[in-house]
Amino acid sequence: MDGIPEVALAVYAHPDDADVACGGTLARWARAGTAVHLVVCTDGGKGTFDPAAEPEELVAVRAAELAESSALIGLKSVTNLGYPDGELLDSEALRYALVEAVRRLRPDVVCGHDPTAMFFGREYFNHRDHRIAGAALLDAVAPAAALPLYFPSAGPAHQVSTVLLSGTLEPDEWVDVTDTIACKAAAVECHRTQFAEPGGWAGEAVRLRAEEEGRRAGAGFAEGFRRLTLRG
């Protein structure tokens, strides 16, 4: 993607998702002067394999991890909508919250999950919260946020010009993150509850993935997206 947006909004399901999906892009923009904002839909309170974990404690720990990673990325604001993990619904309430964020922040570019991406080989399929967050975001961006008679109490209408969907099976746009891949790796490593094994494997994994996308984009490291260009 060419150019640096003035304002960018990332909307993701879980506290670690934005760093994994597009942390290099967000860091690149923030370094260039973009006001980068993040909305997280769920509280992260079920994101563990430990049956003895206390959800309230996990929520607090993951919030602290996100605060640490967000400082590295350079985010201007972070909002958590507080839905419990696994209980995110494509509801009017969720769409209203996202419309309100879009209208209040008035971003040029919005990043989020590709809700159409389901199966990634034989070893992973896309999390339900990811799919719902992505679908709700698209509905919030267009038509709702752009048309004043949708959710009139959510603020003045705003037309987003570009949507970049990550975790997609059909990337057609890449952002060169060669200068910020180290920042992305460090941000991902902040989410210790999710990537607990020692040795920096999570950071290395995102480096390898970005290197693979970089080969497709003709860059050292890159992040791939499905791009939507919207017009009012």
C-alpha atoms as a PDB file:
ATOM      1  CA  MET A   1       0.000   0.000   0.000  1.00  0.00           C
ATOM      2  CA  ASP A   2       1.355   3.403  -0.976  1.00  0.00           C
ATOM      3  CA  GLY A   3       0.939   6.458   1.209  1.00  0.00           C
ATOM      4  CA  ILE A   4       0.538   6.978   4.927  1.00  0.00           C
ATOM      5  CA  PRO A   5      -2.962   7.524   6.342  1.00  0.00           C
ATOM      6  CA  GLU A   6      -3.654  10.409   8.671  1.00  0.00           C
ATOM      7  CA  VAL A   7      -5.842   8.242  10.914  1.00  0.00           C
ATOM      8  CA  ALA A   8      -6.057   4.443  11.023  1.00  0.00           C
ATOM      9  CA  LEU A   9      -8.335   2.152  13.016  1.00  0.00           C
ATOM     10  CA  ALA A  10      -7.659  -1.536  13.671  1.00  0.00           C
ATOM     11  CA  VAL A  11     -10.541  -3.701  14.925  1.00  0.00           C
ATOM     12  CA  TYR A  12      -9.690  -7.207  16.112  1.00  0.00           C
ATOM     13  CA  ALA A  13     -11.288  -9.904  18.214  1.00  0.00           C
ATOM     14  CA  HIS A  14      -8.666 -10.654  20.893  1.00  0.00           C
ATOM     15  CA  PRO A  15      -5.929  -8.694  22.678  1.00  0.00           C
ATOM     16  CA  ASP A  16      -3.068 -10.251  20.671  1.00  0.00           C
ATOM     17  CA  ASP A  17      -4.739 -10.334  17.248  1.00  0.00           C
ATOM     18  CA  ALA A  18      -3.719  -6.942  15.873  1.00  0.00           C
ATOM     19  CA  ASP A  19      -0.054  -7.455  16.718  1.00  0.00           C
ATOM     20  CA  VAL A  20      -0.017 -10.858  15.017  1.00  0.00           C
ATOM     21  CA  ALA A  21      -2.088  -9.743  12.027  1.00  0.00           C
ATOM     22  CA  CYS A  22      -0.715  -6.321  11.180  1.00  0.00           C
ATOM     23  CA  GLY A  23       1.624  -5.100  13.911  1.00  0.00           C
ATOM     24  CA  GLY A  24       4.313  -4.203  11.405  1.00  0.00           C
ATOM     25  CA  THR A  25       1.929  -2.087   9.356  1.00  0.00           C
ATOM     26  CA  LEU A  26       0.515  -0.293  12.389  1.00  0.00           C
ATOM     27  CA  ALA A  27       4.028   0.412  13.685  1.00  0.00           C
ATOM     28  CA  ARG A  28       5.116   1.717  10.277  1.00  0.00           C
ATOM     29  CA  TRP A  29       2.192   4.091  10.141  1.00  0.00           C
ATOM     30  CA  ALA A  30       2.637   5.248  13.739  1.00  0.00           C
ATOM     31  CA  ARG A  31       6.309   6.023  13.108  1.00  0.00           C
ATOM     32  CA  ALA A  32       5.287   8.110  10.088  1.00  0.00           C
ATOM     33  CA  GLY A  33       2.835  10.194  12.142  1.00  0.00           C
ATOM     34  CA  THR A  34      -0.462   8.342  11.693  1.00  0.00           C
ATOM     35  CA  ALA A  35      -2.854   8.425  14.641  1.00  0.00           C
ATOM     36  CA  VAL A  36      -3.344   4.659  15.015  1.00  0.00           C
ATOM     37  CA  HIS A  37      -6.238   3.426  17.150  1.00  0.00           C
ATOM     38  CA  LEU A  38      -7.183  -0.105  18.199  1.00  0.00           C
ATOM     39  CA  VAL A  39     -10.540  -1.564  19.187  1.00  0.00           C
ATOM     40  CA  VAL A  40     -10.450  -5.053  20.734  1.00  0.00           C
ATOM     41  CA  CYS A  41     -13.790  -6.843  20.897  1.00  0.00           C
ATOM     42  CA  THR A  42     -13.226  -9.479  23.613  1.00  0.00           C
ATOM     43  CA  ASP A  43     -11.625  -9.438  27.040  1.00  0.00           C
ATOM     44  CA  GLY A  44      -9.346 -12.456  26.510  1.00  0.00           C
ATOM     45  CA  GLY A  45     -10.567 -14.176  29.658  1.00  0.00           C
ATOM     46  CA  LYS A  46     -10.763 -17.680  28.162  1.00  0.00           C
ATOM     47  CA  GLY A  47      -7.536 -17.666  26.179  1.00  0.00           C
ATOM     48  CA  THR A  48      -5.697 -20.395  28.064  1.00  0.00           C
ATOM     49  CA  PHE A  49      -5.286 -24.166  28.191  1.00  0.00           C
ATOM     50  CA  ASP A  50      -4.977 -24.032  31.996  1.00  0.00           C
ATOM     51  CA  PRO A  51      -8.230 -25.321  33.577  1.00  0.00           C
ATOM     52  CA  ALA A  52      -7.266 -23.758  36.910  1.00  0.00           C
ATOM     53  CA  ALA A  53      -6.912 -20.232  35.514  1.00  0.00           C
ATOM     54  CA  GLU A  54      -9.212 -17.540  36.883  1.00  0.00           C
ATOM     55  CA  PRO A  55     -10.854 -15.634  34.004  1.00  0.00           C
ATOM     56  CA  GLU A  56     -10.823 -12.304  35.874  1.00  0.00           C
ATOM     57  CA  GLU A  57      -7.099 -12.614  36.530  1.00  0.00           C
ATOM     58  CA  LEU A  58      -6.419 -13.595  32.934  1.00  0.00           C
ATOM     59  CA  VAL A  59      -8.362 -10.553  31.694  1.00  0.00           C
ATOM     60  CA  ALA A  60      -6.158  -8.280  33.801  1.00  0.00           C
ATOM     61  CA  VAL A  61      -2.932  -9.957  32.683  1.00  0.00           C
ATOM     62  CA  ARG A  62      -3.874  -9.811  29.017  1.00  0.00           C
ATOM     63  CA  ALA A  63      -4.817  -6.145  29.343  1.00  0.00           C
ATOM     64  CA  ALA A  64      -1.359  -5.471  30.769  1.00  0.00           C
ATOM     65  CA  GLU A  65       0.247  -7.428  27.923  1.00  0.00           C
ATOM     66  CA  LEU A  66      -1.719  -5.381  25.404  1.00  0.00           C
ATOM     67  CA  ALA A  67      -0.705  -2.125  27.059  1.00  0.00           C
ATOM     68  CA  GLU A  68       2.945  -3.202  26.814  1.00  0.00           C
ATOM     69  CA  SER A  69       2.706  -4.195  23.162  1.00  0.00           C
ATOM     70  CA  SER A  70       0.697  -1.101  22.235  1.00  0.00           C
ATOM     71  CA  ALA A  71       3.411   1.133  23.641  1.00  0.00           C
ATOM     72  CA  LEU A  72       5.940  -0.602  21.391  1.00  0.00           C
ATOM     73  CA  ILE A  73       3.725  -0.264  18.319  1.00  0.00           C
ATOM     74  CA  GLY A  74       2.939   3.387  19.110  1.00  0.00           C
ATOM     75  CA  LEU A  75      -0.841   3.260  19.295  1.00  0.00           C
ATOM     76  CA  LYS A  76      -2.674   6.472  20.100  1.00  0.00           C
ATOM     77  CA  SER A  77      -5.583   4.716  21.832  1.00  0.00           C
ATOM     78  CA  VAL A  78      -6.786   1.244  22.772  1.00  0.00           C
ATOM     79  CA  THR A  79     -10.417   0.393  23.543  1.00  0.00           C
ATOM     80  CA  ASN A  80     -11.646  -3.013  24.709  1.00  0.00           C
ATOM     81  CA  LEU A  81     -15.365  -3.628  24.230  1.00  0.00           C
ATOM     82  CA  GLY A  82     -15.226  -6.312  26.916  1.00  0.00           C
ATOM     83  CA  TYR A  83     -17.216  -9.132  25.342  1.00  0.00           C
ATOM     84  CA  PRO A  84     -16.358 -12.548  26.841  1.00  0.00           C
ATOM     85  CA  ASP A  85     -14.250 -14.810  24.645  1.00  0.00           C
ATOM     86  CA  GLY A  86     -16.361 -17.102  22.512  1.00  0.00           C
ATOM     87  CA  GLU A  87     -19.535 -15.115  23.163  1.00  0.00           C
ATOM     88  CA  LEU A  88     -19.124 -12.446  20.503  1.00  0.00           C
ATOM     89  CA  LEU A  89     -22.324 -12.074  18.483  1.00  0.00           C
ATOM     90  CA  ASP A  90     -22.915 -10.201  15.248  1.00  0.00           C
ATOM     91  CA  SER A  91     -25.399  -8.050  17.101  1.00  0.00           C
ATOM     92  CA  GLU A  92     -26.830  -4.569  16.818  1.00  0.00           C
ATOM     93  CA  ALA A  93     -24.915  -3.632  19.965  1.00  0.00           C
ATOM     94  CA  LEU A  94     -21.583  -4.688  18.469  1.00  0.00           C
ATOM     95  CA  ARG A  95     -22.278  -2.915  15.185  1.00  0.00           C
ATOM     96  CA  TYR A  96     -23.300   0.232  17.079  1.00  0.00           C
ATOM     97  CA  ALA A  97     -20.039   0.201  19.063  1.00  0.00           C
ATOM     98  CA  LEU A  98     -17.996  -0.134  15.886  1.00  0.00           C
ATOM     99  CA  VAL A  99     -19.979   2.536  14.044  1.00  0.00           C
ATOM    100  CA  GLU A 100     -19.463   4.869  16.999  1.00  0.00           C
ATOM    101  CA  ALA A 101     -15.711   4.236  16.905  1.00  0.00           C
ATOM    102  CA  VAL A 102     -15.506   4.849  13.154  1.00  0.00           C
ATOM    103  CA  ARG A 103     -17.522   8.059  13.368  1.00  0.00           C
ATOM    104  CA  ARG A 104     -15.648   9.367  16.405  1.00  0.00           C
ATOM    105  CA  LEU A 105     -12.137   8.596  15.120  1.00  0.00           C
ATOM    106  CA  ARG A 106     -12.890   9.191  11.397  1.00  0.00           C
ATOM    107  CA  PRO A 107     -10.153   6.929  10.007  1.00  0.00           C
ATOM    108  CA  ASP A 108      -8.910   6.934   6.434  1.00  0.00           C
ATOM    109  CA  VAL A 109      -8.014   3.239   6.685  1.00  0.00           C
ATOM    110  CA  VAL A 110      -9.597   0.456   8.735  1.00  0.00           C
ATOM    111  CA  CYS A 111      -7.902  -2.921   9.342  1.00  0.00           C
ATOM    112  CA  GLY A 112      -9.632  -6.077  10.519  1.00  0.00           C
ATOM    113  CA  HIS A 113     -10.207  -9.800  10.091  1.00  0.00           C
ATOM    114  CA  ASP A 114     -11.280 -11.245   6.745  1.00  0.00           C
ATOM    115  CA  PRO A 115     -14.527 -12.995   7.745  1.00  0.00           C
ATOM    116  CA  THR A 116     -14.565 -15.124   4.601  1.00  0.00           C
ATOM    117  CA  ALA A 117     -11.314 -16.927   5.466  1.00  0.00           C
ATOM    118  CA  MET A 118     -12.131 -20.224   7.151  1.00  0.00           C
ATOM    119  CA  PHE A 119      -9.675 -23.067   6.521  1.00  0.00           C
ATOM    120  CA  PHE A 120      -5.897 -22.683   6.510  1.00  0.00           C
ATOM    121  CA  GLY A 121      -4.588 -26.083   5.447  1.00  0.00           C
ATOM    122  CA  ARG A 122      -5.285 -29.064   7.676  1.00  0.00           C
ATOM    123  CA  GLU A 123      -4.023 -27.661  10.967  1.00  0.00           C
ATOM    124  CA  TYR A 124      -5.947 -24.445  11.567  1.00  0.00           C
ATOM    125  CA  PHE A 125      -9.361 -22.974  10.964  1.00  0.00           C
ATOM    126  CA  ASN A 126     -10.343 -19.409  11.696  1.00  0.00           C
ATOM    127  CA  HIS A 127     -11.634 -18.678  15.182  1.00  0.00           C
ATOM    128  CA  ARG A 128     -15.355 -17.916  15.503  1.00  0.00           C
ATOM    129  CA  ASP A 129     -14.650 -14.588  17.219  1.00  0.00           C
ATOM    130  CA  HIS A 130     -12.409 -13.589  14.296  1.00  0.00           C
ATOM    131  CA  ARG A 131     -15.108 -14.307  11.749  1.00  0.00           C
ATOM    132  CA  ILE A 132     -17.802 -12.452  13.691  1.00  0.00           C
ATOM    133  CA  ALA A 133     -15.589  -9.441  14.411  1.00  0.00           C
ATOM    134  CA  GLY A 134     -14.668  -9.215  10.732  1.00  0.00           C
ATOM    135  CA  ALA A 135     -18.252  -9.434   9.496  1.00  0.00           C
ATOM    136  CA  ALA A 136     -19.501  -6.906  12.040  1.00  0.00           C
ATOM    137  CA  LEU A 137     -16.713  -4.506  11.082  1.00  0.00           C
ATOM    138  CA  LEU A 138     -17.591  -4.661   7.388  1.00  0.00           C
ATOM    139  CA  ASP A 139     -21.260  -4.027   8.162  1.00  0.00           C
ATOM    140  CA  ALA A 140     -20.310  -1.135  10.437  1.00  0.00           C
ATOM    141  CA  VAL A 141     -18.022   0.481   7.861  1.00  0.00           C
ATOM    142  CA  ALA A 142     -20.439   0.127   4.945  1.00  0.00           C
ATOM    143  CA  PRO A 143     -23.109   1.078   4.848  1.00  0.00           C
ATOM    144  CA  ALA A 144     -23.786   1.943   8.488  1.00  0.00           C
ATOM    145  CA  ALA A 145     -21.033   4.433   9.411  1.00  0.00           C
ATOM    146  CA  ALA A 146     -21.343   6.233   6.078  1.00  0.00           C
ATOM    147  CA  LEU A 147     -25.107   6.779   6.128  1.00  0.00           C
ATOM    148  CA  PRO A 148     -26.551   9.187   8.710  1.00  0.00           C
ATOM    149  CA  LEU A 149     -29.844   7.377   9.255  1.00  0.00           C
ATOM    150  CA  TYR A 150     -28.035   4.291  10.565  1.00  0.00           C
ATOM    151  CA  PHE A 151     -27.444   4.716  14.310  1.00  0.00           C
ATOM    152  CA  PRO A 152     -27.931   8.511  14.305  1.00  0.00           C
ATOM    153  CA  SER A 153     -26.944   8.754  17.972  1.00  0.00           C
ATOM    154  CA  ALA A 154     -23.477   7.325  17.155  1.00  0.00           C
ATOM    155  CA  GLY A 155     -22.260  10.618  15.699  1.00  0.00           C
ATOM    156  CA  PRO A 156     -21.912  12.294  12.291  1.00  0.00           C
ATOM    157  CA  ALA A 157     -21.588   9.919   9.348  1.00  0.00           C
ATOM    158  CA  HIS A 158     -18.114   9.071   8.063  1.00  0.00           C
ATOM    159  CA  GLN A 159     -17.076   7.267   4.873  1.00  0.00           C
ATOM    160  CA  VAL A 160     -13.987   5.090   5.279  1.00  0.00           C
ATOM    161  CA  SER A 161     -11.995   5.088   2.055  1.00  0.00           C
ATOM    162  CA  THR A 162      -9.931   1.905   2.478  1.00  0.00           C
ATOM    163  CA  VAL A 163     -10.395  -1.386   4.320  1.00  0.00           C
ATOM    164  CA  LEU A 164      -7.483  -3.810   4.692  1.00  0.00           C
ATOM    165  CA  LEU A 165      -8.467  -7.333   5.725  1.00  0.00           C
ATOM    166  CA  SER A 166      -5.764  -9.488   7.292  1.00  0.00           C
ATOM    167  CA  GLY A 167      -5.639 -13.235   7.726  1.00  0.00           C
ATOM    168  CA  THR A 168      -6.999 -13.515   4.220  1.00  0.00           C
ATOM    169  CA  LEU A 169      -6.712 -16.327   1.706  1.00  0.00           C
ATOM    170  CA  GLU A 170      -6.827 -13.791  -1.118  1.00  0.00           C
ATOM    171  CA  PRO A 171      -4.251 -11.057  -0.469  1.00  0.00           C
ATOM    172  CA  ASP A 172      -3.984  -8.438  -3.171  1.00  0.00           C
ATOM    173  CA  GLU A 173      -2.216  -5.658  -1.268  1.00  0.00           C
ATOM    174  CA  TRP A 174       1.030  -5.738   0.701  1.00  0.00           C
ATOM    175  CA  VAL A 175       2.701  -3.350   3.104  1.00  0.00           C
ATOM    176  CA  ASP A 176       6.501  -3.389   3.361  1.00  0.00           C
ATOM    177  CA  VAL A 177       7.301  -3.869   7.059  1.00  0.00           C
ATOM    178  CA  THR A 178      11.043  -4.434   6.711  1.00  0.00           C
ATOM    179  CA  ASP A 179      11.780  -1.454   8.964  1.00  0.00           C
ATOM    180  CA  THR A 180       9.272  -2.509  11.634  1.00  0.00           C
ATOM    181  CA  ILE A 181       9.452  -6.318  11.674  1.00  0.00           C
ATOM    182  CA  ALA A 182      11.602  -6.255  14.821  1.00  0.00           C
ATOM    183  CA  CYS A 183       8.985  -4.067  16.505  1.00  0.00           C
ATOM    184  CA  LYS A 184       6.217  -6.453  15.453  1.00  0.00           C
ATOM    185  CA  ALA A 185       8.123  -9.471  16.757  1.00  0.00           C
ATOM    186  CA  ALA A 186       8.721  -7.757  20.098  1.00  0.00           C
ATOM    187  CA  ALA A 187       5.052  -6.754  20.348  1.00  0.00           C
ATOM    188  CA  VAL A 188       3.885 -10.324  19.699  1.00  0.00           C
ATOM    189  CA  GLU A 189       6.308 -11.588  22.333  1.00  0.00           C
ATOM    190  CA  CYS A 190       4.593  -9.321  24.886  1.00  0.00           C
ATOM    191  CA  HIS A 191       1.569 -11.654  24.806  1.00  0.00           C
ATOM    192  CA  ARG A 192       3.189 -14.203  27.090  1.00  0.00           C
ATOM    193  CA  THR A 193      -0.103 -15.856  28.066  1.00  0.00           C
ATOM    194  CA  GLN A 194      -0.583 -16.851  24.434  1.00  0.00           C
ATOM    195  CA  PHE A 195       3.015 -17.640  23.494  1.00  0.00           C
ATOM    196  CA  ALA A 196       4.374 -18.979  26.750  1.00  0.00           C
ATOM    197  CA  GLU A 197       7.166 -21.224  25.487  1.00  0.00           C
ATOM    198  CA  PRO A 198      10.634 -19.701  25.963  1.00  0.00           C
ATOM    199  CA  GLY A 199      13.097 -19.014  23.202  1.00  0.00           C
ATOM    200  CA  GLY A 200      11.343 -16.317  21.220  1.00  0.00           C
ATOM    201  CA  TRP A 201       9.558 -18.779  18.941  1.00  0.00           C
ATOM    202  CA  ALA A 202       6.548 -16.481  18.442  1.00  0.00           C
ATOM    203  CA  GLY A 203       8.681 -13.619  17.244  1.00  0.00           C
ATOM    204  CA  GLU A 204      10.551 -15.938  14.919  1.00  0.00           C
ATOM    205  CA  ALA A 205       7.266 -17.315  13.575  1.00  0.00           C
ATOM    206  CA  VAL A 206       5.983 -13.863  12.632  1.00  0.00           C
ATOM    207  CA  ARG A 207       9.334 -13.058  11.032  1.00  0.00           C
ATOM    208  CA  LEU A 208       9.123 -16.175   8.873  1.00  0.00           C
ATOM    209  CA  ARG A 209       5.558 -15.389   7.865  1.00  0.00           C
ATOM    210  CA  ALA A 210       6.451 -11.786   6.995  1.00  0.00           C
ATOM    211  CA  GLU A 211       9.466 -13.006   5.041  1.00  0.00           C
ATOM    212  CA  GLU A 212       7.184 -15.297   3.012  1.00  0.00           C
ATOM    213  CA  GLU A 213       4.823 -12.400   2.262  1.00  0.00           C
ATOM    214  CA  GLY A 214       7.823 -10.239   1.463  1.00  0.00           C
ATOM    215  CA  ARG A 215       8.838 -12.603  -1.321  1.00  0.00           C
ATOM    216  CA  ARG A 216       5.383 -12.172  -2.845  1.00  0.00           C
ATOM    217  CA  ALA A 217       5.626  -8.384  -2.517  1.00  0.00           C
ATOM    218  CA  GLY A 218       9.240  -7.905  -3.568  1.00  0.00           C
ATOM    219  CA  ALA A 219      10.277  -6.716  -0.104  1.00  0.00           C
ATOM    220  CA  GLY A 220      12.365  -8.036   2.743  1.00  0.00           C
ATOM    221  CA  PHE A 221       9.349  -8.430   5.010  1.00  0.00           C
ATOM    222  CA  ALA A 222       5.698  -7.647   4.292  1.00  0.00           C
ATOM    223  CA  GLU A 223       2.148  -8.097   5.544  1.00  0.00           C
ATOM    224  CA  GLY A 224      -0.566  -9.116   3.108  1.00  0.00           C
ATOM    225  CA  PHE A 225      -4.149  -7.877   3.024  1.00  0.00           C
ATOM    226  CA  ARG A 226      -7.306  -8.052   0.976  1.00  0.00           C
ATOM    227  CA  ARG A 227      -8.045  -4.447   0.009  1.00  0.00           C
ATOM    228  CA  LEU A 228     -11.456  -2.852  -0.363  1.00  0.00           C
ATOM    229  CA  THR A 229     -11.691   0.670  -1.794  1.00  0.00           C
ATOM    230  CA  LEU A 230     -14.950   2.337  -0.770  1.00  0.00           C
ATOM    231  CA  ARG A 231     -16.604   5.397  -2.238  1.00  0.00           C
ATOM    232  CA  GLY A 232     -19.526   7.378  -0.929  1.00  0.00           C
END
